[in-house]
Protein backbone atom coordinates (compact mmCIF):
# COMPACT_ATOMS: atom_id res chain seq x y z
CA UNK A 1 0.30 -0.33 -0.20
CA UNK A 2 1.03 3.13 -0.81
CA UNK A 3 0.37 5.92 1.65
CA UNK A 4 -1.74 9.19 0.92
CA UNK A 5 -0.16 11.30 3.76
CA UNK A 6 -3.94 11.36 4.40
CA UNK A 7 -5.21 9.59 7.14
CA UNK A 8 -8.63 10.30 6.97
CA UNK A 9 -8.35 8.75 3.37
CA UNK A 10 -5.63 5.50 3.89
CA UNK A 11 -8.37 4.59 6.19
CA UNK A 12 -11.31 5.34 3.64
CA UNK A 13 -8.72 3.09 1.60
CA UNK A 14 -8.20 0.48 3.21
CA UNK A 15 -4.02 1.43 4.46
CA UNK A 16 -3.74 3.18 0.85
CA UNK A 17 -3.63 2.91 -2.76
CA UNK A 18 -2.80 -0.86 -3.47
CA UNK A 19 0.55 -1.00 -5.42
CA UNK A 20 0.11 -0.94 -9.29
CA UNK A 21 -2.68 1.15 -8.63
CA UNK A 22 -2.65 5.00 -9.89
CA UNK A 23 -4.84 7.86 -8.49
CA UNK A 24 -6.40 10.53 -9.47
CA UNK A 25 -7.47 13.27 -8.11
CA UNK A 26 -10.43 15.63 -10.24
CA UNK A 27 -11.25 18.99 -8.82
CA UNK A 28 -13.90 21.17 -10.19
CA UNK A 29 -12.67 24.43 -11.12
CA UNK A 30 -13.28 26.97 -8.55
CA UNK A 31 -12.23 24.66 -5.61
CA UNK A 32 -8.52 24.35 -4.31
CA UNK A 33 -8.26 20.92 -3.10
CA UNK A 34 -4.72 20.73 -5.01
CA UNK A 35 -3.53 20.35 -0.93
CA UNK A 36 -4.75 15.78 -1.63
CA UNK A 37 -2.67 16.36 -4.65
CA UNK A 38 0.86 18.08 -3.29
CA UNK A 39 0.00 15.44 -0.27
CA UNK A 40 -0.13 12.54 -1.69
CA UNK A 41 2.88 12.92 -4.66
CA UNK A 42 4.75 13.59 -1.79
CA UNK A 43 4.31 11.30 0.55
CA UNK A 44 4.75 8.49 -2.43
CA UNK A 45 8.10 10.33 -3.84
CA UNK A 46 9.82 10.83 -0.51
CA UNK A 47 8.58 6.21 -0.22
CA UNK A 48 10.21 6.23 -3.60
CA UNK A 49 7.66 6.42 -5.30
CA UNK A 50 7.30 8.39 -9.07
CA UNK A 51 4.34 11.73 -9.39
CA UNK A 52 3.08 12.87 -12.96
CA UNK A 53 0.53 16.25 -11.58
CA UNK A 54 -1.68 17.76 -14.92
CA UNK A 55 -1.86 21.86 -13.56
CA UNK A 56 -4.31 22.82 -15.84
CA UNK A 57 -6.29 24.85 -13.06
CA UNK A 58 -2.68 27.98 -12.61
CA UNK A 59 0.62 27.45 -13.37
CA UNK A 60 2.68 25.38 -12.94
CA UNK A 61 4.61 27.75 -10.65
CA UNK A 62 1.32 28.62 -8.40
CA UNK A 63 1.79 25.03 -8.37
CA UNK A 64 6.05 23.99 -6.94
CA UNK A 65 6.13 27.81 -5.06
CA UNK A 66 2.85 25.11 -2.72
CA UNK A 67 5.25 22.87 -2.47
CA UNK A 68 7.60 25.22 -1.02
CA UNK A 69 4.46 26.74 1.97
CA UNK A 70 4.80 22.93 3.07
CA UNK A 71 8.25 22.45 3.51
CA UNK A 72 8.58 20.32 0.48
CA UNK A 73 11.93 20.64 -1.60
CA UNK A 74 10.55 18.59 -5.21
CA UNK A 75 13.14 19.68 -6.66
CA UNK A 76 14.83 15.85 -4.66
CA UNK A 77 12.57 14.37 -7.00
CA UNK A 78 12.80 15.60 -10.30
CA UNK A 79 14.23 12.06 -12.36
CA UNK A 80 11.05 10.61 -10.63
CA UNK A 81 8.26 13.68 -10.84
CA UNK A 82 7.12 15.43 -13.73
CA UNK A 83 4.26 18.60 -14.46
CA UNK A 84 2.10 18.26 -17.44
CA UNK A 85 1.35 22.33 -17.80
CA UNK A 86 -1.88 22.23 -19.26
CA UNK A 87 -2.46 25.61 -18.63
CA UNK A 88 0.03 28.18 -19.57
CA UNK A 89 -1.70 27.69 -23.57
CA UNK A 90 -4.82 27.93 -22.31
CA UNK A 91 -3.77 31.29 -21.73
CA UNK A 92 -1.43 32.66 -24.53
CA UNK A 93 2.18 32.43 -22.10
CA UNK A 94 4.57 30.50 -22.78
CA UNK A 95 5.51 28.10 -20.50
CA UNK A 96 8.45 26.40 -19.16
CA UNK A 97 7.47 22.68 -18.47
CA UNK A 98 9.17 20.27 -21.01
CA UNK A 99 5.27 18.28 -21.25
CA UNK A 100 3.19 21.45 -22.39
CA UNK A 101 -1.07 20.14 -23.68
CA UNK A 102 -1.18 22.77 -26.51
């Protein structure tokens, strides 16, 4: 099991995410629920897992700043953690991310 780092969610899931399974958080636009994804990805990365964060409602830099606000240095995991920028092209802005939805 991969613990999400969110005790009540782990309890609901029977201990966490089963190995070999994927967890997708879908959050309605305007609802600030990124913390669930941030916590789960960070918890997985600390234990050697991988992560993918598709950013579609704000810039990747803002999400990276949220990781920093919690004291989580995601650069330590850059070989196992990818951002997909699905936002900047919507607003006509350039992206610094390797993976961009156009």
